[in-house]
Amino acid sequence: MSYKFFPHTEDDIRAMLKTCGEKSLDDLYKDIPEDLVLKKEYDLPEGLSEIEVRKFFNGLADGNETLKCLIGAGCYDHYSPSVVNSIVSRSEFLTSYTPYQAEISQGTLQYIFEYQSMMAMLTGMEVSNASMYDGCTATAEAMMMAVAAAKKRNKVLISATVNPIVRRVVDTYAKYHGVTIEVIAEADGVTDRADFEAKVAANDVAGVIVAAPNFYGIVEDYTGWADFCHSHKTLLIMNNVASTLGVLKTPGEWGADIAVGDGQSLGIPMNFGGPYVGYLCTSKKLIRKMPGRIVGATTDMEGKRTFVLT
């Protein structure tokens, strides 16, 4: 018996069967019950060439009606300059992964450093890490940062106006790390300030998570929220849509301690929901609690500028 895509010759097969003590390939499957063995040939059509397959699927695609997607919910159909696809077609620019000896690849470390610098500038924060898996996990990691910084507090509040998908990931992280999550009520599509203040005033909250804009697309007014949180030794975490950072008030301007979100809107296609990229920026005082890696700039023994993982 000959198989088109097997590299073995008939002599190879006979030699292997002899070593196994079997007479045919079918003997290799004799342990399978008879009633489960297919007794006929597969009724499959002849294979198609690559160009025929392309034509077939293009024909199917012609029946689709393309509409504008305005659903949002963390996945946005934005215009993306063609240069973005051109750059990420180079695999070394696609992720923040580094070689085993990272400092050997100075080019990789430099572009990560430039990314961190730009994200810190966009968010108005002091430091950024080298990116996260997505906005949901970045928010969950920010929750863990708040708990770690608070030490003896394990309760985190999250606004009901935060994306439900983000909230589910936060709930999952919290469940397996012993963190209690309480939801701040909403009123007319915005976070209920009275409920926020009442819960924070209990002095047992490590952090508060809010969104800007929120899940409904509303830009909430967070004036005084950071000061109120800090007066009760609580951190303020803001989840932002990345493409709005250059237009709306930044997390840093609101006084937030941690800024997180998804970078999909900066140029990643919708791609059926992922994969995307998350960002996490914070202040220098929380840098030791920040997850992931950070690339720093320094000088070598010859006084030249260089980059290192810190």
Protein backbone atom coordinates (compact mmCIF):
# COMPACT_ATOMS: atom_id res chain seq x y z
CA MET A 1 0.00 0.00 0.00
CA SER A 2 1.38 3.41 -0.96
CA TYR A 3 0.51 6.73 0.68
CA LYS A 4 1.11 9.88 -1.34
CA PHE A 5 2.46 12.07 1.43
CA PHE A 6 4.43 9.43 3.38
CA PRO A 7 8.20 9.47 2.73
CA HIS A 8 8.46 5.69 3.32
CA THR A 9 9.04 3.34 0.39
CA GLU A 10 7.38 -0.08 0.17
CA ASP A 11 10.66 -1.64 1.34
CA ASP A 12 10.73 0.71 4.35
CA ILE A 13 7.20 -0.30 5.31
CA ARG A 14 7.94 -4.02 5.00
CA ALA A 15 11.07 -3.63 7.16
CA MET A 16 9.17 -1.75 9.86
CA LEU A 17 6.32 -4.27 9.87
CA LYS A 18 8.82 -7.11 10.21
CA THR A 19 10.39 -5.37 13.21
CA CYS A 20 6.93 -4.98 14.77
CA GLY A 21 6.08 -8.61 14.05
CA GLU A 22 3.09 -7.70 11.88
CA LYS A 23 2.18 -8.59 8.29
CA SER A 24 0.26 -5.47 7.24
CA LEU A 25 -0.52 -1.92 8.31
CA ASP A 26 -4.05 -3.02 9.19
CA ASP A 27 -2.59 -5.42 11.76
CA LEU A 28 -1.33 -2.39 13.70
CA TYR A 29 -4.95 -1.49 14.47
CA LYS A 30 -6.24 -4.96 15.36
CA ASP A 31 -6.95 -3.86 18.95
CA ILE A 32 -9.79 -1.66 17.66
CA PRO A 33 -13.17 -3.45 18.02
CA GLU A 34 -14.55 -4.69 14.69
CA ASP A 35 -17.79 -2.75 15.06
CA LEU A 36 -15.81 0.51 15.16
CA VAL A 37 -13.74 -0.18 12.05
CA LEU A 38 -14.85 1.51 8.82
CA LYS A 39 -15.33 -1.21 6.22
CA LYS A 40 -15.51 1.04 3.16
CA GLU A 41 -13.44 3.68 1.42
CA TYR A 42 -13.88 7.32 2.38
CA ASP A 43 -16.22 9.04 -0.06
CA LEU A 44 -14.12 12.16 -0.50
CA PRO A 45 -13.87 14.36 -3.60
CA GLU A 46 -10.58 14.84 -5.40
CA GLY A 47 -8.27 17.43 -3.88
CA LEU A 48 -8.08 20.97 -5.27
CA SER A 49 -5.06 23.02 -6.20
CA GLU A 50 -4.24 26.15 -4.20
CA ILE A 51 -5.70 28.51 -6.78
CA GLU A 52 -8.90 26.42 -6.97
CA VAL A 53 -9.27 26.57 -3.19
CA ARG A 54 -8.81 30.36 -3.27
CA LYS A 55 -11.48 30.71 -5.96
CA PHE A 56 -13.85 28.50 -3.97
CA PHE A 57 -13.57 30.54 -0.78
CA ASN A 58 -13.64 33.85 -2.66
CA GLY A 59 -16.94 32.69 -4.12
CA LEU A 60 -18.28 32.03 -0.64
CA ALA A 61 -17.02 35.43 0.57
CA ASP A 62 -18.82 37.18 -2.31
CA GLY A 63 -22.07 36.23 -0.62
CA ASN A 64 -21.19 38.17 2.53
CA GLU A 65 -22.54 41.64 3.16
CA THR A 66 -19.94 43.82 4.89
CA LEU A 67 -21.35 46.28 7.39
CA LYS A 68 -19.83 48.92 9.64
CA CYS A 69 -19.31 47.57 13.15
CA LEU A 70 -20.25 50.02 15.90
CA ILE A 71 -20.68 47.50 18.72
CA GLY A 72 -17.42 48.44 20.42
CA ALA A 73 -17.12 46.56 23.71
CA GLY A 74 -13.33 46.62 23.63
CA CYS A 75 -13.01 45.73 19.93
CA TYR A 76 -13.00 48.67 17.52
CA ASP A 77 -13.02 48.88 13.73
CA HIS A 78 -10.60 51.81 13.38
CA TYR A 79 -8.65 52.97 10.37
CA SER A 80 -5.11 51.62 10.57
CA PRO A 81 -2.31 53.03 8.34
CA SER A 82 -0.83 50.43 5.99
CA VAL A 83 2.59 50.98 7.56
CA VAL A 84 1.36 49.19 10.71
CA ASN A 85 0.88 45.88 8.88
CA SER A 86 4.18 46.38 7.11
CA ILE A 87 6.06 46.80 10.39
CA VAL A 88 4.47 43.88 12.23
CA SER A 89 5.10 41.61 9.26
CA ARG A 90 8.61 41.64 10.67
CA SER A 91 8.34 39.10 13.48
CA GLU A 92 10.90 40.89 15.63
CA PHE A 93 8.48 43.84 15.98
CA LEU A 94 5.41 41.69 16.60
CA THR A 95 5.93 40.82 20.28
CA SER A 96 7.94 41.95 23.29
CA TYR A 97 9.66 38.60 23.62
CA THR A 98 13.45 38.82 23.76
CA PRO A 99 16.25 36.33 23.03
CA TYR A 100 17.59 34.21 25.88
CA GLN A 101 20.38 36.75 26.41
CA ALA A 102 18.25 39.85 25.97
CA GLU A 103 21.04 42.44 26.15
CA ILE A 104 22.62 40.97 23.00
CA SER A 105 19.60 42.19 21.02
CA GLN A 106 19.89 45.94 21.58
CA GLY A 107 17.51 46.71 18.71
CA THR A 108 14.72 44.69 20.31
CA LEU A 109 15.29 46.31 23.69
CA GLN A 110 15.29 49.78 22.15
CA TYR A 111 11.94 49.43 20.42
CA ILE A 112 10.43 48.07 23.65
CA PHE A 113 11.91 51.05 25.49
CA GLU A 114 10.39 53.41 22.90
CA TYR A 115 7.02 51.68 23.31
CA GLN A 116 7.20 52.12 27.09
CA SER A 117 8.13 55.80 26.69
CA MET A 118 5.21 56.48 24.37
CA MET A 119 2.68 54.65 26.56
CA ALA A 120 3.89 56.55 29.63
CA MET A 121 3.48 59.80 27.69
CA LEU A 122 0.01 58.89 26.40
CA THR A 123 -1.28 57.89 29.85
CA GLY A 124 0.45 60.70 31.73
CA MET A 125 2.10 58.16 34.03
CA GLU A 126 5.73 57.77 35.06
CA VAL A 127 6.53 54.20 33.98
CA SER A 128 5.22 51.48 31.68
CA ASN A 129 6.05 47.80 31.41
CA ALA A 130 6.83 45.98 28.16
CA SER A 131 3.10 45.22 27.55
CA MET A 132 0.58 42.63 28.75
CA TYR A 133 -1.49 39.94 27.01
CA ASP A 134 -4.57 42.16 26.67
CA GLY A 135 -6.58 44.84 28.44
CA CYS A 136 -8.52 42.34 30.56
CA THR A 137 -5.45 40.68 32.06
CA ALA A 138 -3.76 44.07 32.47
CA THR A 139 -6.72 45.21 34.59
CA ALA A 140 -6.62 42.02 36.64
CA GLU A 141 -2.89 42.46 37.22
CA ALA A 142 -3.52 46.06 38.32
CA MET A 143 -6.00 44.69 40.87
CA MET A 144 -3.29 42.37 42.19
CA MET A 145 -0.88 45.32 42.37
CA ALA A 146 -3.33 47.26 44.51
CA VAL A 147 -3.77 44.34 46.90
CA ALA A 148 -0.01 43.81 47.12
CA ALA A 149 0.57 47.49 47.85
CA ALA A 150 -2.16 47.61 50.51
CA LYS A 151 -0.74 44.52 52.26
CA LYS A 152 -3.54 43.93 54.78
CA ARG A 153 -6.48 44.77 52.50
CA ASN A 154 -7.89 42.27 50.01
CA LYS A 155 -11.02 44.04 48.77
CA VAL A 156 -11.22 45.78 45.39
CA LEU A 157 -14.14 47.79 44.02
CA ILE A 158 -15.03 47.81 40.32
CA SER A 159 -17.58 50.05 38.65
CA ALA A 160 -20.64 48.49 37.05
CA THR A 161 -19.84 50.61 33.98
CA VAL A 162 -16.60 48.71 33.29
CA ASN A 163 -16.72 46.31 30.31
CA PRO A 164 -18.39 43.05 31.52
CA ILE A 165 -15.69 41.00 29.80
CA VAL A 166 -13.02 42.82 31.79
CA ARG A 167 -15.02 42.30 34.97
CA ARG A 168 -15.25 38.54 34.35
CA VAL A 169 -11.48 38.23 33.99
CA VAL A 170 -10.97 40.32 37.14
CA ASP A 171 -13.43 38.05 38.98
CA THR A 172 -11.50 34.96 37.85
CA TYR A 173 -8.17 36.33 39.05
CA ALA A 174 -9.73 37.44 42.32
CA LYS A 175 -11.37 34.08 43.01
CA TYR A 176 -8.08 32.20 42.98
CA HIS A 177 -6.05 34.83 44.84
CA GLY A 178 -8.38 35.36 47.78
CA VAL A 179 -9.46 38.84 46.69
CA THR A 180 -12.98 40.11 47.36
CA ILE A 181 -14.61 42.03 44.51
CA GLU A 182 -17.49 44.43 45.13
CA VAL A 183 -19.34 46.25 42.35
CA ILE A 184 -20.00 49.99 42.56
CA ALA A 185 -23.54 50.69 41.37
CA GLU A 186 -24.31 52.74 38.28
CA ALA A 187 -26.88 55.47 37.86
CA ASP A 188 -27.98 56.67 34.41
CA GLY A 189 -24.99 55.04 32.73
CA VAL A 190 -22.30 56.44 35.02
CA THR A 191 -20.70 55.24 38.24
CA ASP A 192 -22.74 56.16 41.33
CA ARG A 193 -20.45 58.51 43.26
CA ALA A 194 -22.38 58.18 46.50
CA ASP A 195 -22.02 54.39 46.42
CA PHE A 196 -18.33 54.76 45.57
CA GLU A 197 -17.65 57.07 48.52
CA ALA A 198 -19.67 54.97 50.95
CA LYS A 199 -17.75 51.80 50.06
CA VAL A 200 -14.30 53.43 50.07
CA ALA A 201 -15.01 55.18 53.38
CA ALA A 202 -15.14 51.77 55.07
CA ASN A 203 -11.31 51.89 54.97
CA ASP A 204 -10.92 48.26 53.89
CA VAL A 205 -10.52 48.77 50.13
CA ALA A 206 -7.19 48.26 48.36
CA GLY A 207 -8.19 49.66 44.99
CA VAL A 208 -10.99 51.04 42.83
CA ILE A 209 -11.34 50.20 39.11
CA VAL A 210 -13.18 52.60 36.79
CA ALA A 211 -13.34 53.04 33.01
CA ALA A 212 -12.85 56.05 30.74
CA PRO A 213 -14.80 56.05 28.49
CA ASN A 214 -17.04 53.50 30.16
CA PHE A 215 -18.73 50.48 28.57
CA TYR A 216 -21.61 52.66 27.34
CA GLY A 217 -19.25 55.10 25.64
CA ILE A 218 -19.86 57.78 28.25
CA VAL A 219 -16.92 59.93 29.38
CA GLU A 220 -17.38 60.12 33.14
CA ASP A 221 -16.21 62.98 35.36
CA TYR A 222 -13.73 61.61 37.90
CA THR A 223 -12.82 64.94 39.45
CA GLY A 224 -11.78 64.40 43.07
CA TRP A 225 -11.98 60.61 42.90
CA ALA A 226 -8.23 60.09 43.22
CA ASP A 227 -8.00 62.45 46.20
CA PHE A 228 -10.88 60.67 47.93
CA CYS A 229 -9.25 57.28 47.32
CA HIS A 230 -5.88 58.46 48.58
CA SER A 231 -7.41 59.96 51.72
CA HIS A 232 -8.53 56.42 52.57
CA LYS A 233 -5.25 54.76 51.47
CA THR A 234 -6.88 53.29 48.37
CA LEU A 235 -5.44 53.17 44.84
CA LEU A 236 -7.37 54.38 41.78
CA ILE A 237 -7.09 52.18 38.66
CA MET A 238 -8.32 53.52 35.31
CA ASN A 239 -9.11 51.33 32.31
CA ASN A 240 -8.94 53.45 29.15
CA VAL A 241 -9.55 52.94 25.44
CA ALA A 242 -6.05 53.51 24.06
CA SER A 243 -7.12 55.58 21.05
CA THR A 244 -8.75 58.17 23.33
CA LEU A 245 -5.61 58.86 25.37
CA GLY A 246 -4.47 61.63 23.03
CA VAL A 247 -7.87 63.36 23.13
CA LEU A 248 -9.41 62.92 26.58
CA LYS A 249 -8.00 63.72 30.00
CA THR A 250 -5.30 61.17 30.78
CA PRO A 251 -5.26 58.84 33.81
CA GLY A 252 -2.29 60.84 35.08
CA GLU A 253 -4.30 64.06 34.90
CA TRP A 254 -7.13 62.40 36.82
CA GLY A 255 -4.59 61.42 39.50
CA ALA A 256 -4.89 57.68 38.91
CA ASP A 257 -2.27 55.37 40.39
CA ILE A 258 -2.42 52.72 37.65
CA ALA A 259 -3.49 53.08 34.01
CA VAL A 260 -4.47 49.98 32.06
CA GLY A 261 -6.27 49.09 28.88
CA ASP A 262 -6.17 47.34 25.54
CA GLY A 263 -4.00 48.58 22.70
CA GLN A 264 -6.22 47.06 19.97
CA SER A 265 -7.54 50.47 18.92
CA LEU A 266 -4.00 51.70 18.19
CA GLY A 267 -3.76 49.61 15.03
CA ILE A 268 -4.56 45.94 15.62
CA PRO A 269 -7.34 44.52 13.37
CA MET A 270 -10.52 43.29 15.07
CA ASN A 271 -9.40 39.78 14.19
CA PHE A 272 -12.48 38.02 15.60
CA GLY A 273 -11.64 39.19 19.13
CA GLY A 274 -7.90 38.75 19.43
CA PRO A 275 -5.11 38.35 20.13
CA TYR A 276 -4.52 41.96 21.17
CA VAL A 277 -2.05 43.73 23.47
CA GLY A 278 -2.52 45.20 26.92
CA TYR A 279 -0.72 48.15 28.47
CA LEU A 280 -0.02 48.87 32.13
CA CYS A 281 1.46 52.14 33.35
CA THR A 282 1.93 53.38 36.90
CA SER A 283 3.95 55.62 39.20
CA LYS A 284 7.55 55.09 40.28
CA LYS A 285 6.49 54.28 43.83
CA LEU A 286 4.59 51.21 42.56
CA ILE A 287 7.21 50.02 40.09
CA ARG A 288 8.28 47.14 42.36
CA LYS A 289 4.71 45.82 42.34
CA MET A 290 4.33 46.01 38.57
CA PRO A 291 4.09 42.68 36.66
CA GLY A 292 5.94 41.85 33.49
CA ARG A 293 9.24 43.19 32.31
CA ILE A 294 10.68 46.69 32.00
CA VAL A 295 13.42 47.83 29.66
CA GLY A 296 15.64 50.58 31.01
CA ALA A 297 18.25 52.85 29.41
CA THR A 298 21.76 53.01 30.84
CA THR A 299 25.38 53.41 29.72
CA ASP A 300 27.98 50.71 29.15
CA MET A 301 31.63 50.66 30.24
CA GLU A 302 32.54 52.84 27.26
CA GLY A 303 29.93 55.45 28.14
CA LYS A 304 27.62 54.53 25.25
CA ARG A 305 23.85 54.49 25.63
CA THR A 306 22.51 50.96 25.97
CA PHE A 307 19.34 49.13 27.04
CA VAL A 308 18.81 46.43 29.65
CA LEU A 309 15.99 44.41 31.18
CA THR A 310 15.46 45.77 34.69
